[in-house]
Amino acid sequence: MSRLTDAIRARFGEDIFRRMAIAAVLTALLMGSLGVADPFYSPPEPRTVDTDAPPEQVALDALNTTATNDYRMDWITPCDQENVTRRDGGCVFLRYTVERSDREFDTDNGEGYFGSGPDVYADAVSATYYDFPEGPDRSRSRALNLWEGADRLDRSDLAATLADSAVETTVSESNGTIRLRTDNDTVASRLLGTSANASAPPESFDANVTVTVDADSGRLRAITIYSANGNDTDWQRYRYDRWNDVTVERPAGSSRPILGWVFDAINREHRP
């Protein structure tokens, strides 16, 4: 090997290896700015669910598959508005398209909810906010956006919570559907995003959470939260579909940041 390196130095100069290293870095940066696919990245293997396992385990495992699989998730809320994207008796407030296989996701406002904020495209290390506000002065900004925030819910945390012996759950199976339910008010309050009440919901607060899973495929279908606080009742649903059948497009005008290449080169997220 020393003879080879000596010959290369003799032919191209003593600093040839330093120049080669610089050229490699510049090439990587150029490819990143052009959005070229990263040859370093090793995507996670899509996780499957053993549907022969007990129903409760199937439901818990289904929650964890969102960590490695591609999917679409609709955040559905009750509404009586017109000209909105309707589903499951409510309206789609936000729609998340998550492409785990390429560490990208896109968040779009449901029709009729443009005022809720900008649409968002993000990859493992950056975010681009686009299409808000409308008009020639619309903003497009970039910010650090860790990949762990790919959608609003941390399903692995929910799975661990429901598996805890301190959280009582009931499970049922009928018509090819598994339902795992808890009447734990603290869990429901946390999922509703009421962080101020997450540790100690008011005494008047009463809620339940139901995880719905396809018993045949082991795919997560929905997470539904029903709540009542005095005379006020409410519900929210997170509907999952299009498993491993989604594509996220990078918006025009945005480029892949350098840090993304660094993360991929060390396989940061999925490294054992």
Protein backbone atom coordinates (compact mmCIF):
# COMPACT_ATOMS: atom_id res chain seq x y z
CA MET A 1 0.00 0.00 0.00
CA SER A 2 2.89 2.37 0.82
CA ARG A 3 4.36 1.83 -2.64
CA LEU A 4 1.04 2.71 -4.21
CA THR A 5 0.62 5.89 -2.17
CA ASP A 6 4.22 6.89 -2.88
CA ALA A 7 3.62 6.40 -6.60
CA ILE A 8 0.44 8.49 -6.48
CA ARG A 9 2.26 11.28 -4.63
CA ALA A 10 5.14 11.15 -7.09
CA ARG A 11 2.75 11.39 -10.04
CA PHE A 12 0.30 14.02 -8.70
CA GLY A 13 2.14 15.83 -5.92
CA GLU A 14 2.53 15.50 -2.15
CA ASP A 15 -0.86 17.08 -1.38
CA ILE A 16 -2.86 14.82 -3.71
CA PHE A 17 -4.78 13.09 -0.89
CA ARG A 18 -5.73 16.41 0.73
CA ARG A 19 -7.01 17.64 -2.65
CA MET A 20 -8.95 14.41 -3.16
CA ALA A 21 -10.61 14.81 0.22
CA ILE A 22 -11.58 18.41 -0.55
CA ALA A 23 -12.95 17.35 -3.93
CA ALA A 24 -15.04 14.63 -2.29
CA VAL A 25 -16.52 17.11 0.18
CA LEU A 26 -17.29 19.64 -2.56
CA THR A 27 -18.94 16.95 -4.65
CA ALA A 28 -21.12 15.92 -1.73
CA LEU A 29 -22.11 19.52 -1.09
CA LEU A 30 -22.95 20.08 -4.73
CA MET A 31 -25.06 16.92 -4.86
CA GLY A 32 -26.87 18.04 -1.71
CA SER A 33 -27.64 21.47 -3.14
CA LEU A 34 -29.07 19.87 -6.27
CA GLY A 35 -31.21 17.45 -4.30
CA VAL A 36 -29.42 14.34 -5.60
CA ALA A 37 -30.24 11.13 -3.75
CA ASP A 38 -27.79 10.37 -0.97
CA PRO A 39 -25.84 7.13 -1.56
CA PHE A 40 -24.92 6.97 2.13
CA TYR A 41 -28.44 6.72 3.49
CA SER A 42 -29.69 3.32 4.63
CA PRO A 43 -33.47 3.52 5.17
CA PRO A 44 -35.13 1.46 7.90
CA GLU A 45 -36.74 -1.84 7.04
CA PRO A 46 -40.55 -1.44 7.15
CA ARG A 47 -41.74 -3.09 10.34
CA THR A 48 -44.52 -5.65 10.14
CA VAL A 49 -46.88 -6.96 12.81
CA ASP A 50 -47.32 -10.59 13.83
CA THR A 51 -51.10 -10.83 13.51
CA ASP A 52 -51.06 -14.28 15.18
CA ALA A 53 -50.06 -12.61 18.45
CA PRO A 54 -52.69 -11.78 21.11
CA PRO A 55 -54.93 -8.87 20.01
CA GLU A 56 -53.54 -6.46 22.60
CA GLN A 57 -49.98 -7.11 21.40
CA VAL A 58 -51.07 -6.65 17.78
CA ALA A 59 -52.49 -3.24 18.66
CA LEU A 60 -49.36 -2.15 20.55
CA ASP A 61 -47.06 -3.36 17.75
CA ALA A 62 -49.21 -1.55 15.17
CA LEU A 63 -48.57 1.73 17.00
CA ASN A 64 -44.83 1.17 16.71
CA THR A 65 -44.86 0.51 12.95
CA THR A 66 -45.21 4.24 12.31
CA ALA A 67 -41.53 4.56 13.29
CA THR A 68 -40.30 2.73 10.17
CA ASN A 69 -43.14 2.71 7.62
CA ASP A 70 -44.50 5.29 5.17
CA TYR A 71 -48.09 6.44 5.71
CA ARG A 72 -50.65 9.23 5.55
CA MET A 73 -52.33 10.56 8.69
CA ASP A 74 -55.37 12.85 8.85
CA TRP A 75 -56.03 14.82 12.02
CA ILE A 76 -59.84 14.97 12.12
CA THR A 77 -61.94 17.24 14.33
CA PRO A 78 -65.70 17.86 14.59
CA CYS A 79 -66.98 20.80 12.57
CA ASP A 80 -70.11 22.21 10.98
CA GLN A 81 -68.35 24.23 8.29
CA GLU A 82 -68.90 24.02 4.57
CA ASN A 83 -66.23 23.71 1.89
CA VAL A 84 -63.91 21.62 4.04
CA THR A 85 -62.21 18.26 3.56
CA ARG A 86 -64.64 15.94 5.37
CA ARG A 87 -63.92 12.49 6.78
CA ASP A 88 -65.35 10.24 9.50
CA GLY A 89 -68.15 12.68 10.31
CA GLY A 90 -65.71 15.55 10.88
CA CYS A 91 -63.23 17.62 8.93
CA VAL A 92 -59.54 17.14 8.18
CA PHE A 93 -57.75 19.86 10.12
CA LEU A 94 -54.23 18.80 9.06
CA ARG A 95 -52.94 16.05 6.77
CA TYR A 96 -49.50 14.53 7.33
CA THR A 97 -47.76 12.55 4.59
CA VAL A 98 -44.79 10.74 6.14
CA GLU A 99 -42.19 9.01 3.96
CA ARG A 100 -39.98 7.31 6.51
CA SER A 101 -38.09 5.48 3.76
CA ASP A 102 -36.63 8.83 2.65
CA ARG A 103 -36.93 10.75 5.94
CA GLU A 104 -39.28 13.37 4.54
CA PHE A 105 -42.72 14.53 5.52
CA ASP A 106 -45.25 17.09 4.42
CA THR A 107 -48.00 18.77 6.43
CA ASP A 108 -50.93 20.34 4.60
CA ASN A 109 -53.85 22.31 5.96
CA GLY A 110 -57.19 20.70 5.26
CA GLU A 111 -59.36 22.61 2.84
CA GLY A 112 -61.01 25.50 4.64
CA TYR A 113 -58.25 25.73 7.26
CA PHE A 114 -55.67 27.86 5.48
CA GLY A 115 -55.57 30.23 8.43
CA SER A 116 -54.20 27.55 10.77
CA GLY A 117 -50.66 28.19 9.58
CA PRO A 118 -48.30 27.41 6.73
CA ASP A 119 -48.00 24.10 4.99
CA VAL A 120 -44.71 22.44 5.91
CA TYR A 121 -42.19 20.27 4.13
CA ALA A 122 -39.40 18.81 6.26
CA ASP A 123 -36.64 16.25 6.08
CA ALA A 124 -34.38 14.88 8.80
CA VAL A 125 -32.79 18.20 9.65
CA SER A 126 -34.67 21.09 8.08
CA ALA A 127 -38.09 22.54 7.40
CA THR A 128 -39.51 24.69 4.63
CA TYR A 129 -42.72 26.62 5.22
CA TYR A 130 -44.61 27.38 2.06
CA ASP A 131 -47.89 28.53 0.51
CA PHE A 132 -48.67 30.90 3.38
CA PRO A 133 -49.53 33.67 3.22
CA GLU A 134 -50.78 33.80 -0.35
CA GLY A 135 -49.50 36.47 -2.68
CA PRO A 136 -46.15 37.77 -3.94
CA ASP A 137 -44.84 38.47 -0.43
CA ARG A 138 -45.44 34.98 0.93
CA SER A 139 -42.79 33.76 3.30
CA ARG A 140 -40.49 30.81 2.81
CA SER A 141 -38.20 30.24 5.78
CA ARG A 142 -35.91 27.50 6.97
CA ALA A 143 -35.40 26.23 10.50
CA LEU A 144 -33.96 23.24 12.32
CA ASN A 145 -36.72 20.62 12.51
CA LEU A 146 -35.75 17.30 14.04
CA TRP A 147 -37.13 14.26 12.27
CA GLU A 148 -38.66 12.89 15.46
CA GLY A 149 -41.43 15.49 15.01
CA ALA A 150 -42.70 13.89 11.79
CA ASP A 151 -46.27 14.09 12.97
CA ARG A 152 -48.20 15.31 15.98
CA LEU A 153 -48.27 12.05 17.95
CA ASP A 154 -45.49 9.94 19.40
CA ARG A 155 -47.02 6.50 18.87
CA SER A 156 -44.11 4.59 20.42
CA ASP A 157 -44.58 6.61 23.60
CA LEU A 158 -48.32 5.85 23.50
CA ALA A 159 -47.61 2.14 23.01
CA ALA A 160 -45.27 2.13 26.01
CA THR A 161 -47.85 4.00 28.08
CA LEU A 162 -50.68 1.59 27.23
CA ALA A 163 -48.44 -1.40 27.97
CA ASP A 164 -47.74 -0.05 31.45
CA SER A 165 -49.52 -2.02 34.17
CA ALA A 166 -50.59 1.27 35.76
CA VAL A 167 -52.79 2.07 32.73
CA GLU A 168 -55.79 -0.22 32.57
CA THR A 169 -56.84 -1.20 29.05
CA THR A 170 -59.56 -3.35 27.51
CA VAL A 171 -59.33 -5.08 24.14
CA SER A 172 -62.00 -6.38 21.78
CA GLU A 173 -61.98 -7.95 18.32
CA SER A 174 -64.86 -8.08 15.86
CA ASN A 175 -65.41 -7.81 12.10
CA GLY A 176 -61.68 -7.93 11.41
CA THR A 177 -60.97 -5.00 13.72
CA ILE A 178 -59.06 -4.87 17.00
CA ARG A 179 -59.88 -2.08 19.47
CA LEU A 180 -57.65 -1.29 22.41
CA ARG A 181 -59.23 1.20 24.81
CA THR A 182 -58.34 3.04 28.00
CA ASP A 183 -60.47 5.35 30.14
CA ASN A 184 -57.36 6.93 31.65
CA ASP A 185 -58.02 10.70 31.75
CA THR A 186 -54.33 11.63 31.98
CA VAL A 187 -53.48 9.73 28.79
CA ALA A 188 -56.41 11.30 26.96
CA SER A 189 -55.56 14.80 28.19
CA ARG A 190 -51.98 14.43 26.97
CA LEU A 191 -53.08 13.24 23.52
CA LEU A 192 -55.45 16.18 23.24
CA GLY A 193 -52.49 18.47 23.71
CA THR A 194 -53.72 20.00 26.95
CA SER A 195 -50.27 19.93 28.48
CA ALA A 196 -51.35 22.14 31.39
CA ASN A 197 -53.78 19.43 32.47
CA ALA A 198 -51.74 16.42 31.37
CA SER A 199 -50.48 15.51 34.82
CA ALA A 200 -53.70 16.28 36.67
CA PRO A 201 -56.84 16.81 34.55
CA PRO A 202 -59.66 18.62 36.37
CA GLU A 203 -62.14 16.45 38.24
CA SER A 204 -64.84 17.32 35.72
CA PHE A 205 -62.72 15.92 32.86
CA ASP A 206 -63.75 12.45 31.63
CA ALA A 207 -62.27 10.86 28.52
CA ASN A 208 -61.28 7.67 26.76
CA VAL A 209 -58.80 6.68 24.06
CA THR A 210 -59.37 3.93 21.49
CA VAL A 211 -56.70 2.49 19.19
CA THR A 212 -58.20 0.76 16.14
CA VAL A 213 -56.17 -1.79 14.15
CA ASP A 214 -56.89 -3.98 11.13
CA ALA A 215 -56.71 -7.51 12.54
CA ASP A 216 -55.73 -9.09 9.20
CA SER A 217 -52.92 -6.75 8.16
CA GLY A 218 -51.84 -5.43 11.56
CA ARG A 219 -52.06 -1.88 10.22
CA LEU A 220 -52.96 0.99 12.51
CA ARG A 221 -56.26 2.52 11.39
CA ALA A 222 -57.04 5.23 13.91
CA ILE A 223 -56.52 6.74 17.35
CA THR A 224 -59.68 8.35 18.69
CA ILE A 225 -60.08 10.50 21.81
CA TYR A 226 -63.53 11.26 23.24
CA SER A 227 -63.72 13.76 26.08
CA ALA A 228 -66.22 15.54 28.30
CA ASN A 229 -65.58 18.45 30.63
CA GLY A 230 -68.76 19.34 32.44
CA ASN A 231 -71.39 19.92 29.75
CA ASP A 232 -68.80 20.27 26.98
CA THR A 233 -68.04 17.19 24.87
CA ASP A 234 -65.43 16.84 22.14
CA TRP A 235 -63.57 14.27 20.07
CA GLN A 236 -60.50 14.04 17.86
CA ARG A 237 -59.35 11.28 15.56
CA TYR A 238 -56.03 10.49 13.91
CA ARG A 239 -56.78 8.37 10.84
CA TYR A 240 -53.92 6.36 9.25
CA ASP A 241 -53.89 4.90 5.74
CA ARG A 242 -51.88 4.53 2.50
CA TRP A 243 -49.28 2.41 4.25
CA ASN A 244 -45.98 2.31 2.27
CA ASP A 245 -47.75 4.00 -0.64
CA VAL A 246 -46.95 7.71 -0.32
CA THR A 247 -44.51 10.10 -1.99
CA VAL A 248 -43.34 13.41 -0.57
CA GLU A 249 -42.11 16.00 -3.05
CA ARG A 250 -39.56 18.63 -2.03
CA PRO A 251 -41.03 22.09 -2.76
CA ALA A 252 -39.47 24.09 -5.56
CA GLY A 253 -36.82 26.50 -4.37
CA SER A 254 -35.60 24.45 -1.40
CA SER A 255 -32.40 22.44 -1.26
CA ARG A 256 -31.05 19.75 1.01
CA PRO A 257 -28.93 21.15 3.84
CA ILE A 258 -25.37 19.97 4.46
CA LEU A 259 -26.32 18.57 7.86
CA GLY A 260 -28.64 16.11 6.14
CA TRP A 261 -25.71 14.57 4.32
CA VAL A 262 -23.73 14.32 7.54
CA PHE A 263 -26.63 12.53 9.27
CA ASP A 264 -26.96 10.11 6.38
CA ALA A 265 -23.21 9.44 6.17
CA ILE A 266 -23.25 8.16 9.76
CA ASN A 267 -26.77 6.69 9.39
CA ARG A 268 -27.63 8.66 12.51
CA GLU A 269 -31.25 7.70 13.02
CA HIS A 270 -31.16 3.97 12.29
CA ARG A 271 -27.64 3.09 13.36
CA PRO A 272 -27.64 0.13 15.80
